């Protein structure tokens, strides 16, 4: 049995579903960031799979590199924001941080 495009798309859909579930169900800000990373990885898997199986479509690899760079920047900025929120509120649960201060 060979691995085809459908296998990659099903795996990507599972990753995307797990990411959405994680973002919706977690109260912890770091858990939410991990869910966003799962979603971005699912998108990358789609880009690379289509780039491999569709003739002449090299844009998928380029887009995947941009998504990886964006995910790294998102992680750095997101963790910096979480550290700032923790210093101000002494918690990283998003339900307990409801008011922004000046």
PDB file of N, CA and C in Angstrom:
ATOM      1  N   UNK A   1       0.844  -1.184   0.000  1.00  0.00           N
ATOM      2  CA  UNK A   1       0.000   0.000   0.000  1.00  0.00           C
ATOM      3  C   UNK A   1       0.887   1.245   0.000  1.00  0.00           C
ATOM      4  N   UNK A   2       0.597   2.163  -0.870  1.00  0.00           N
ATOM      5  CA  UNK A   2       1.363   3.397  -0.940  1.00  0.00           C
ATOM      6  C   UNK A   2       0.620   4.507  -0.203  1.00  0.00           C
ATOM      7  N   UNK A   3       1.387   5.427   0.288  1.00  0.00           N
ATOM      8  CA  UNK A   3       0.816   6.569   0.982  1.00  0.00           C
ATOM      9  C   UNK A   3       0.496   7.633  -0.057  1.00  0.00           C
ATOM     10  N   UNK A   4      -0.766   8.018  -0.107  1.00  0.00           N
ATOM     11  CA  UNK A   4      -1.195   8.998  -1.097  1.00  0.00           C
ATOM     12  C   UNK A   4      -1.581  10.318  -0.459  1.00  0.00           C
ATOM     13  N   UNK A   5      -2.077  11.206  -1.287  1.00  0.00           N
ATOM     14  CA  UNK A   5      -2.479  12.531  -0.830  1.00  0.00           C
ATOM     15  C   UNK A   5      -3.608  12.456   0.188  1.00  0.00           C
ATOM     16  N   UNK A   6      -4.504  11.503   0.003  1.00  0.00           N
ATOM     17  CA  UNK A   6      -5.635  11.373   0.930  1.00  0.00           C
ATOM     18  C   UNK A   6      -5.167  11.067   2.344  1.00  0.00           C
ATOM     19  N   UNK A   7      -4.148  10.263   2.486  1.00  0.00           N
ATOM     20  CA  UNK A   7      -3.630   9.942   3.815  1.00  0.00           C
ATOM     21  C   UNK A   7      -3.115  11.193   4.520  1.00  0.00           C
ATOM     22  N   UNK A   8      -2.393  12.013   3.781  1.00  0.00           N
ATOM     23  CA  UNK A   8      -1.880  13.252   4.363  1.00  0.00           C
ATOM     24  C   UNK A   8      -3.011  14.205   4.734  1.00  0.00           C
ATOM     25  N   UNK A   9      -4.028  14.272   3.885  1.00  0.00           N
ATOM     26  CA  UNK A   9      -5.151  15.165   4.170  1.00  0.00           C
ATOM     27  C   UNK A   9      -5.945  14.704   5.383  1.00  0.00           C
ATOM     28  N   UNK A  10      -6.104  13.397   5.541  1.00  0.00           N
ATOM     29  CA  UNK A  10      -6.799  12.875   6.730  1.00  0.00           C
ATOM     30  C   UNK A  10      -5.981  13.163   7.988  1.00  0.00           C
ATOM     31  N   UNK A  11      -4.682  12.944   7.931  1.00  0.00           N
ATOM     32  CA  UNK A  11      -3.820  13.250   9.075  1.00  0.00           C
ATOM     33  C   UNK A  11      -3.862  14.738   9.409  1.00  0.00           C
ATOM     34  N   UNK A  12      -3.867  15.566   8.381  1.00  0.00           N
ATOM     35  CA  UNK A  12      -3.940  17.001   8.594  1.00  0.00           C
ATOM     36  C   UNK A  12      -5.273  17.397   9.215  1.00  0.00           C
ATOM     37  N   UNK A  13      -6.354  16.778   8.781  1.00  0.00           N
ATOM     38  CA  UNK A  13      -7.666  17.077   9.360  1.00  0.00           C
ATOM     39  C   UNK A  13      -7.729  16.659  10.821  1.00  0.00           C
ATOM     40  N   UNK A  14      -7.099  15.532  11.151  1.00  0.00           N
ATOM     41  CA  UNK A  14      -7.056  15.087  12.555  1.00  0.00           C
ATOM     42  C   UNK A  14      -6.253  16.078  13.391  1.00  0.00           C
ATOM     43  N   UNK A  15      -5.092  16.496  12.891  1.00  0.00           N
ATOM     44  CA  UNK A  15      -4.288  17.497  13.609  1.00  0.00           C
ATOM     45  C   UNK A  15      -5.040  18.804  13.788  1.00  0.00           C
ATOM     46  N   UNK A  16      -5.727  19.240  12.734  1.00  0.00           N
ATOM     47  CA  UNK A  16      -6.489  20.485  12.812  1.00  0.00           C
ATOM     48  C   UNK A  16      -7.615  20.364  13.833  1.00  0.00           C
ATOM     49  N   UNK A  17      -8.306  19.241  13.825  1.00  0.00           N
ATOM     50  CA  UNK A  17      -9.374  19.021  14.806  1.00  0.00           C
ATOM     51  C   UNK A  17      -8.861  18.999  16.232  1.00  0.00           C
ATOM     52  N   UNK A  18      -7.733  18.339  16.445  1.00  0.00           N
ATOM     53  CA  UNK A  18      -7.135  18.331  17.779  1.00  0.00           C
ATOM     54  C   UNK A  18      -6.709  19.732  18.209  1.00  0.00           C
ATOM     55  N   UNK A  19      -6.187  20.510  17.268  1.00  0.00           N
ATOM     56  CA  UNK A  19      -5.788  21.880  17.577  1.00  0.00           C
ATOM     57  C   UNK A  19      -6.981  22.747  17.954  1.00  0.00           C
ATOM     58  N   UNK A  20      -8.065  22.648  17.185  1.00  0.00           N
ATOM     59  CA  UNK A  20      -9.274  23.418  17.496  1.00  0.00           C
ATOM     60  C   UNK A  20      -9.843  22.995  18.842  1.00  0.00           C
ATOM     61  N   UNK A  21      -9.864  21.693  19.095  1.00  0.00           N
ATOM     62  CA  UNK A  21     -10.358  21.198  20.380  1.00  0.00           C
ATOM     63  C   UNK A  21      -9.505  21.719  21.526  1.00  0.00           C
ATOM     64  N   UNK A  22      -8.208  21.749  21.341  1.00  0.00           N
ATOM     65  CA  UNK A  22      -7.310  22.248  22.379  1.00  0.00           C
ATOM     66  C   UNK A  22      -7.532  23.731  22.631  1.00  0.00           C
ATOM     67  N   UNK A  23      -7.684  24.513  21.572  1.00  0.00           N
ATOM     68  CA  UNK A  23      -7.898  25.954  21.742  1.00  0.00           C
ATOM     69  C   UNK A  23      -9.216  26.218  22.458  1.00  0.00           C
ATOM     70  N   UNK A  24     -10.246  25.455  22.147  1.00  0.00           N
ATOM     71  CA  UNK A  24     -11.563  25.697  22.732  1.00  0.00           C
ATOM     72  C   UNK A  24     -11.641  25.235  24.184  1.00  0.00           C
ATOM     73  N   UNK A  25     -10.997  24.117  24.518  1.00  0.00           N
ATOM     74  CA  UNK A  25     -11.200  23.530  25.842  1.00  0.00           C
ATOM     75  C   UNK A  25     -10.200  23.976  26.900  1.00  0.00           C
ATOM     76  N   UNK A  26      -9.066  24.506  26.527  1.00  0.00           N
ATOM     77  CA  UNK A  26      -8.044  24.870  27.520  1.00  0.00           C
ATOM     78  C   UNK A  26      -8.309  26.221  28.140  1.00  0.00           C
ATOM     79  N   UNK A  27      -8.058  26.315  29.435  1.00  0.00           N
ATOM     80  CA  UNK A  27      -8.121  27.590  30.138  1.00  0.00           C
ATOM     81  C   UNK A  27      -6.735  28.186  30.313  1.00  0.00           C
ATOM     82  N   UNK A  28      -5.730  27.360  30.183  1.00  0.00           N
ATOM     83  CA  UNK A  28      -4.349  27.777  30.341  1.00  0.00           C
ATOM     84  C   UNK A  28      -3.864  28.415  29.040  1.00  0.00           C
ATOM     85  N   UNK A  29      -3.231  29.571  29.130  1.00  0.00           N
ATOM     86  CA  UNK A  29      -2.793  30.290  27.930  1.00  0.00           C
ATOM     87  C   UNK A  29      -1.730  29.519  27.157  1.00  0.00           C
ATOM     88  N   UNK A  30      -0.872  28.809  27.848  1.00  0.00           N
ATOM     89  CA  UNK A  30       0.159  28.024  27.150  1.00  0.00           C
ATOM     90  C   UNK A  30      -0.478  26.867  26.395  1.00  0.00           C
ATOM     91  N   UNK A  31      -1.501  26.253  26.961  1.00  0.00           N
ATOM     92  CA  UNK A  31      -2.233  25.199  26.263  1.00  0.00           C
ATOM     93  C   UNK A  31      -2.901  25.712  25.004  1.00  0.00           C
ATOM     94  N   UNK A  32      -3.421  26.935  25.065  1.00  0.00           N
ATOM     95  CA  UNK A  32      -4.040  27.535  23.888  1.00  0.00           C
ATOM     96  C   UNK A  32      -2.986  27.777  22.806  1.00  0.00           C
ATOM     97  N   UNK A  33      -1.810  28.249  23.202  1.00  0.00           N
ATOM     98  CA  UNK A  33      -0.725  28.438  22.218  1.00  0.00           C
ATOM     99  C   UNK A  33      -0.311  27.111  21.581  1.00  0.00           C
ATOM    100  N   UNK A  34      -0.306  26.038  22.363  1.00  0.00           N
ATOM    101  CA  UNK A  34       0.019  24.724  21.801  1.00  0.00           C
ATOM    102  C   UNK A  34      -1.038  24.291  20.793  1.00  0.00           C
ATOM    103  N   UNK A  35      -2.302  24.604  21.056  1.00  0.00           N
ATOM    104  CA  UNK A  35      -3.358  24.301  20.098  1.00  0.00           C
ATOM    105  C   UNK A  35      -3.183  25.064  18.798  1.00  0.00           C
ATOM    106  N   UNK A  36      -2.789  26.335  18.903  1.00  0.00           N
ATOM    107  CA  UNK A  36      -2.537  27.138  17.702  1.00  0.00           C
ATOM    108  C   UNK A  36      -1.373  26.539  16.914  1.00  0.00           C
ATOM    109  N   UNK A  37      -0.354  26.057  17.607  1.00  0.00           N
ATOM    110  CA  UNK A  37       0.774  25.414  16.920  1.00  0.00           C
ATOM    111  C   UNK A  37       0.332  24.146  16.188  1.00  0.00           C
ATOM    112  N   UNK A  38      -0.580  23.376  16.786  1.00  0.00           N
ATOM    113  CA  UNK A  38      -1.103  22.193  16.096  1.00  0.00           C
ATOM    114  C   UNK A  38      -1.842  22.587  14.822  1.00  0.00           C
ATOM    115  N   UNK A  39      -2.619  23.654  14.895  1.00  0.00           N
ATOM    116  CA  UNK A  39      -3.350  24.127  13.717  1.00  0.00           C
ATOM    117  C   UNK A  39      -2.371  24.548  12.622  1.00  0.00           C
ATOM    118  N   UNK A  40      -1.339  25.283  12.997  1.00  0.00           N
ATOM    119  CA  UNK A  40      -0.349  25.719  11.998  1.00  0.00           C
ATOM    120  C   UNK A  40       0.405  24.529  11.401  1.00  0.00           C
ATOM    121  N   UNK A  41       0.683  23.505  12.203  1.00  0.00           N
ATOM    122  CA  UNK A  41       1.339  22.312  11.674  1.00  0.00           C
ATOM    123  C   UNK A  41       0.440  21.557  10.711  1.00  0.00           C
ATOM    124  N   UNK A  42      -0.864  21.545  10.971  1.00  0.00           N
ATOM    125  CA  UNK A  42      -1.801  20.910  10.038  1.00  0.00           C
ATOM    126  C   UNK A  42      -1.802  21.642   8.705  1.00  0.00           C
ATOM    127  N   UNK A  43      -1.766  22.954   8.749  1.00  0.00           N
ATOM    128  CA  UNK A  43      -1.715  23.745   7.518  1.00  0.00           C
ATOM    129  C   UNK A  43      -0.414  23.470   6.764  1.00  0.00           C
ATOM    130  N   UNK A  44       0.697  23.408   7.494  1.00  0.00           N
ATOM    131  CA  UNK A  44       1.989  23.098   6.855  1.00  0.00           C
ATOM    132  C   UNK A  44       1.964  21.731   6.187  1.00  0.00           C
ATOM    133  N   UNK A  45       1.361  20.763   6.839  1.00  0.00           N
ATOM    134  CA  UNK A  45       1.280  19.425   6.260  1.00  0.00           C
ATOM    135  C   UNK A  45       0.494  19.452   4.954  1.00  0.00           C
ATOM    136  N   UNK A  46      -0.587  20.221   4.912  1.00  0.00           N
ATOM    137  CA  UNK A  46      -1.345  20.368   3.663  1.00  0.00           C
ATOM    138  C   UNK A  46      -0.510  21.015   2.574  1.00  0.00           C
ATOM    139  N   UNK A  47       0.194  22.095   2.910  1.00  0.00           N
ATOM    140  CA  UNK A  47       1.023  22.773   1.915  1.00  0.00           C
ATOM    141  C   UNK A  47       2.067  21.831   1.330  1.00  0.00           C
ATOM    142  N   UNK A  48       2.751  21.104   2.192  1.00  0.00           N
ATOM    143  CA  UNK A  48       3.811  20.211   1.720  1.00  0.00           C
ATOM    144  C   UNK A  48       3.241  19.040   0.924  1.00  0.00           C
ATOM    145  N   UNK A  49       2.109  18.496   1.370  1.00  0.00           N
ATOM    146  CA  UNK A  49       1.502  17.370   0.645  1.00  0.00           C
ATOM    147  C   UNK A  49       1.071  17.800  -0.758  1.00  0.00           C
ATOM    148  N   UNK A  50       0.421  18.946  -0.863  1.00  0.00           N
ATOM    149  CA  UNK A  50       0.011  19.407  -2.181  1.00  0.00           C
ATOM    150  C   UNK A  50       1.214  19.759  -3.042  1.00  0.00           C
ATOM    151  N   UNK A  51       2.251  20.286  -2.424  1.00  0.00           N
ATOM    152  CA  UNK A  51       3.457  20.605  -3.176  1.00  0.00           C
ATOM    153  C   UNK A  51       4.098  19.337  -3.739  1.00  0.00           C
ATOM    154  N   UNK A  52       4.002  18.239  -2.996  1.00  0.00           N
ATOM    155  CA  UNK A  52       4.611  16.986  -3.447  1.00  0.00           C
ATOM    156  C   UNK A  52       3.767  16.289  -4.515  1.00  0.00           C
ATOM    157  N   UNK A  53       2.441  16.302  -4.356  1.00  0.00           N
ATOM    158  CA  UNK A  53       1.590  15.502  -5.233  1.00  0.00           C
ATOM    159  C   UNK A  53       1.035  16.255  -6.431  1.00  0.00           C
ATOM    160  N   UNK A  54       1.079  17.583  -6.439  1.00  0.00           N
ATOM    161  CA  UNK A  54       0.579  18.346  -7.583  1.00  0.00           C
ATOM    162  C   UNK A  54       1.782  18.830  -8.382  1.00  0.00           C
ATOM    163  N   UNK A  55       1.804  18.480  -9.647  1.00  0.00           N
ATOM    164  CA  UNK A  55       2.925  18.851 -10.517  1.00  0.00           C
ATOM    165  C   UNK A  55       3.013  20.367 -10.692  1.00  0.00           C
ATOM    166  N   UNK A  56       4.205  20.895 -10.555  1.00  0.00           N
ATOM    167  CA  UNK A  56       4.440  22.305 -10.805  1.00  0.00           C
ATOM    168  C   UNK A  56       3.990  23.244  -9.697  1.00  0.00           C
ATOM    169  N   UNK A  57       3.625  22.719  -8.541  1.00  0.00           N
ATOM    170  CA  UNK A  57       3.173  23.564  -7.431  1.00  0.00           C
ATOM    171  C   UNK A  57       4.260  23.603  -6.368  1.00  0.00           C
ATOM    172  N   UNK A  58       5.199  24.526  -6.526  1.00  0.00           N
ATOM    173  CA  UNK A  58       6.273  24.675  -5.549  1.00  0.00           C
ATOM    174  C   UNK A  58       5.951  25.731  -4.503  1.00  0.00           C
ATOM    175  N   UNK A  59       4.841  26.417  -4.672  1.00  0.00           N
ATOM    176  CA  UNK A  59       4.463  27.454  -3.723  1.00  0.00           C
ATOM    177  C   UNK A  59       4.174  26.904  -2.332  1.00  0.00           C
ATOM    178  N   UNK A  60       3.783  25.640  -2.234  1.00  0.00           N
ATOM    179  CA  UNK A  60       3.491  25.035  -0.940  1.00  0.00           C
ATOM    180  C   UNK A  60       4.691  25.023  -0.022  1.00  0.00           C
ATOM    181  N   UNK A  61       5.849  24.730  -0.572  1.00  0.00           N
ATOM    182  CA  UNK A  61       7.062  24.715   0.247  1.00  0.00           C
ATOM    183  C   UNK A  61       7.429  26.115   0.711  1.00  0.00           C
ATOM    184  N   UNK A  62       7.234  27.086  -0.147  1.00  0.00           N
ATOM    185  CA  UNK A  62       7.546  28.475   0.229  1.00  0.00           C
ATOM    186  C   UNK A  62       6.580  28.955   1.297  1.00  0.00           C
ATOM    187  N   UNK A  63       5.281  28.665   1.117  1.00  0.00           N
ATOM    188  CA  UNK A  63       4.304  29.048   2.127  1.00  0.00           C
ATOM    189  C   UNK A  63       4.582  28.361   3.458  1.00  0.00           C
ATOM    190  N   UNK A  64       5.002  27.102   3.411  1.00  0.00           N
ATOM    191  CA  UNK A  64       5.306  26.379   4.647  1.00  0.00           C
ATOM    192  C   UNK A  64       6.456  27.042   5.394  1.00  0.00           C
ATOM    193  N   UNK A  65       7.466  27.503   4.677  1.00  0.00           N
ATOM    194  CA  UNK A  65       8.570  28.213   5.330  1.00  0.00           C
ATOM    195  C   UNK A  65       8.083  29.503   5.991  1.00  0.00           C
ATOM    196  N   UNK A  66       7.189  30.227   5.316  1.00  0.00           N
ATOM    197  CA  UNK A  66       6.631  31.445   5.914  1.00  0.00           C
ATOM    198  C   UNK A  66       5.803  31.124   7.154  1.00  0.00           C
ATOM    199  N   UNK A  67       5.044  30.038   7.109  1.00  0.00           N
ATOM    200  CA  UNK A  67       4.230  29.650   8.267  1.00  0.00           C
ATOM    201  C   UNK A  67       5.122  29.246   9.433  1.00  0.00           C
ATOM    202  N   UNK A  68       6.224  28.567   9.160  1.00  0.00           N
ATOM    203  CA  UNK A  68       7.151  28.187  10.226  1.00  0.00           C
ATOM    204  C   UNK A  68       7.762  29.427  10.869  1.00  0.00           C
ATOM    205  N   UNK A  69       8.152  30.398  10.044  1.00  0.00           N
ATOM    206  CA  UNK A  69       8.706  31.650  10.582  1.00  0.00           C
ATOM    207  C   UNK A  69       7.659  32.401  11.392  1.00  0.00           C
ATOM    208  N   UNK A  70       6.422  32.429  10.901  1.00  0.00           N
ATOM    209  CA  UNK A  70       5.346  33.098  11.630  1.00  0.00           C
ATOM    210  C   UNK A  70       5.046  32.390  12.943  1.00  0.00           C
ATOM    211  N   UNK A  71       5.101  31.061  12.959  1.00  0.00           N
ATOM    212  CA  UNK A  71       4.849  30.309  14.186  1.00  0.00           C
ATOM    213  C   UNK A  71       5.930  30.576  15.228  1.00  0.00           C
ATOM    214  N   UNK A  72       7.162  30.708  14.786  1.00  0.00           N
ATOM    215  CA  UNK A  72       8.245  31.019  15.729  1.00  0.00           C
ATOM    216  C   UNK A  72       8.049  32.410  16.330  1.00  0.00           C
ATOM    217  N   UNK A  73       7.678  33.363  15.495  1.00  0.00           N
ATOM    218  CA  UNK A  73       7.431  34.714  16.006  1.00  0.00           C
ATOM    219  C   UNK A  73       6.220  34.731  16.926  1.00  0.00           C
ATOM    220  N   UNK A  74       5.185  33.975  16.566  1.00  0.00           N
ATOM    221  CA  UNK A  74       3.983  33.892  17.409  1.00  0.00           C
ATOM    222  C   UNK A  74       4.309  33.289  18.764  1.00  0.00           C
ATOM    223  N   UNK A  75       5.142  32.280  18.783  1.00  0.00           N
ATOM    224  CA  UNK A  75       5.513  31.651  20.055  1.00  0.00           C
ATOM    225  C   UNK A  75       6.306  32.619  20.925  1.00  0.00           C
ATOM    226  N   UNK A  76       7.231  33.340  20.334  1.00  0.00           N
ATOM    227  CA  UNK A  76       8.042  34.288  21.108  1.00  0.00           C
ATOM    228  C   UNK A  76       7.190  35.421  21.667  1.00  0.00           C
ATOM    229  N   UNK A  77       6.360  36.012  20.822  1.00  0.00           N
ATOM    230  CA  UNK A  77       5.517  37.122  21.271  1.00  0.00           C
ATOM    231  C   UNK A  77       4.455  36.624  22.243  1.00  0.00           C
ATOM    232  N   UNK A  78       3.865  35.481  21.941  1.00  0.00           N
ATOM    233  CA  UNK A  78       2.843  34.919  22.829  1.00  0.00           C
ATOM    234  C   UNK A  78       3.381  34.608  24.211  1.00  0.00           C
ATOM    235  N   UNK A  79       4.555  34.014  24.285  1.00  0.00           N
ATOM    236  CA  UNK A  79       5.138  33.710  25.595  1.00  0.00           C
ATOM    237  C   UNK A  79       5.530  34.981  26.339  1.00  0.00           C
ATOM    238  N   UNK A  80       5.972  36.008  25.622  1.00  0.00           N
ATOM    239  CA  UNK A  80       6.279  37.284  26.276  1.00  0.00           C
ATOM    240  C   UNK A  80       5.009  37.910  26.857  1.00  0.00           C
ATOM    241  N   UNK A  81       3.917  37.842  26.117  1.00  0.00           N
ATOM    242  CA  UNK A  81       2.644  38.367  26.625  1.00  0.00           C
ATOM    243  C   UNK A  81       2.183  37.566  27.830  1.00  0.00           C
ATOM    244  N   UNK A  82       2.324  36.257  27.772  1.00  0.00           N
ATOM    245  CA  UNK A  82       1.915  35.415  28.900  1.00  0.00           C
ATOM    246  C   UNK A  82       2.749  35.740  30.136  1.00  0.00           C
ATOM    247  N   UNK A  83       4.048  35.974  29.960  1.00  0.00           N
ATOM    248  CA  UNK A  83       4.887  36.341  31.108  1.00  0.00           C
ATOM    249  C   UNK A  83       4.446  37.677  31.693  1.00  0.00           C
ATOM    250  N   UNK A  84       4.092  38.639  30.848  1.00  0.00           N
ATOM    251  CA  UNK A  84       3.599  39.923  31.326  1.00  0.00           C
ATOM    252  C   UNK A  84       2.286  39.791  32.071  1.00  0.00           C
ATOM    253  N   UNK A  85       1.393  38.958  31.554  1.00  0.00           N
ATOM    254  CA  UNK A  85       0.116  38.723  32.235  1.00  0.00           C
ATOM    255  C   UNK A  85       0.351  38.030  33.568  1.00  0.00           C
ATOM    256  N   UNK A  86       1.281  37.086  33.613  1.00  0.00           N
ATOM    257  CA  UNK A  86       1.570  36.404  34.873  1.00  0.00           C
ATOM    258  C   UNK A  86       2.139  37.364  35.907  1.00  0.00           C
ATOM    259  N   UNK A  87       3.010  38.277  35.474  1.00  0.00           N
ATOM    260  CA  UNK A  87       3.564  39.260  36.406  1.00  0.00           C
ATOM    261  C   UNK A  87       2.486  40.181  36.958  1.00  0.00           C
ATOM    262  N   UNK A  88       1.481  40.495  36.152  1.00  0.00           N
ATOM    263  CA  UNK A  88       0.429  41.413  36.590  1.00  0.00           C
ATOM    264  C   UNK A  88      -0.653  40.715  37.403  1.00  0.00           C
ATOM    265  N   UNK A  89      -1.052  39.508  37.001  1.00  0.00           N
ATOM    266  CA  UNK A  89      -2.203  38.839  37.617  1.00  0.00           C
ATOM    267  C   UNK A  89      -1.856  37.591  38.417  1.00  0.00           C
ATOM    268  N   UNK A  90      -0.638  37.110  38.338  1.00  0.00           N
ATOM    269  CA  UNK A  90      -0.174  35.904  39.031  1.00  0.00           C
ATOM    270  C   UNK A  90      -0.964  34.660  38.625  1.00  0.00           C
ATOM    271  N   UNK A  91      -1.429  34.642  37.390  1.00  0.00           N
ATOM    272  CA  UNK A  91      -2.087  33.470  36.820  1.00  0.00           C
ATOM    273  C   UNK A  91      -1.983  33.548  35.300  1.00  0.00           C
ATOM    274  N   UNK A  92      -2.074  32.384  34.655  1.00  0.00           N
ATOM    275  CA  UNK A  92      -2.086  32.369  33.188  1.00  0.00           C
ATOM    276  C   UNK A  92      -3.380  31.755  32.668  1.00  0.00           C
ATOM    277  N   UNK A  93      -4.375  31.627  33.539  1.00  0.00           N
ATOM    278  CA  UNK A  93      -5.675  31.139  33.097  1.00  0.00           C
ATOM    279  C   UNK A  93      -6.430  32.290  32.446  1.00  0.00           C
ATOM    280  N   UNK A  94      -6.897  32.076  31.225  1.00  0.00           N
ATOM    281  CA  UNK A  94      -7.493  33.168  30.466  1.00  0.00           C
ATOM    282  C   UNK A  94      -8.846  33.593  31.028  1.00  0.00           C
ATOM    283  N   UNK A  95      -9.524  32.720  31.754  1.00  0.00           N
ATOM    284  CA  UNK A  95     -10.812  33.103  32.347  1.00  0.00           C
ATOM    285  C   UNK A  95     -10.640  34.101  33.483  1.00  0.00           C
ATOM    286  N   UNK A  96      -9.559  34.010  34.211  1.00  0.00           N
ATOM    287  CA  UNK A  96      -9.346  34.872  35.367  1.00  0.00           C
ATOM    288  C   UNK A  96      -8.769  36.234  34.994  1.00  0.00           C
ATOM    289  N   UNK A  97      -8.241  36.361  33.784  1.00  0.00           N
ATOM    290  CA  UNK A  97      -7.679  37.618  33.318  1.00  0.00           C
ATOM    291  C   UNK A  97      -8.713  38.238  32.378  1.00  0.00           C
ATOM    292  N   UNK A  98      -9.606  39.041  32.934  1.00  0.00           N
ATOM    293  CA  UNK A  98     -10.691  39.566  32.116  1.00  0.00           C
ATOM    294  C   UNK A  98     -10.603  41.063  31.887  1.00  0.00           C
ATOM    295  N   UNK A  99      -9.805  41.774  32.695  1.00  0.00           N
ATOM    296  CA  UNK A  99      -9.713  43.210  32.581  1.00  0.00           C
ATOM    297  C   UNK A  99      -8.273  43.580  32.259  1.00  0.00           C
ATOM    298  N   UNK A 100      -8.090  44.423  31.258  1.00  0.00           N
ATOM    299  CA  UNK A 100      -6.751  44.906  30.939  1.00  0.00           C
ATOM    300  C   UNK A 100      -6.505  46.203  31.697  1.00  0.00           C
ATOM    301  N   UNK A 101      -5.324  46.316  32.288  1.00  0.00           N
ATOM    302  CA  UNK A 101      -4.955  47.535  33.029  1.00  0.00           C
ATOM    303  C   UNK A 101      -4.056  48.414  32.183  1.00  0.00           C
ATOM    304  N   UNK A 102      -3.974  49.676  32.557  1.00  0.00           N
ATOM    305  CA  UNK A 102      -3.044  50.595  31.885  1.00  0.00           C
ATOM    306  C   UNK A 102      -1.660  50.444  32.445  1.00  0.00           C
TER     307      UNK A 102
END
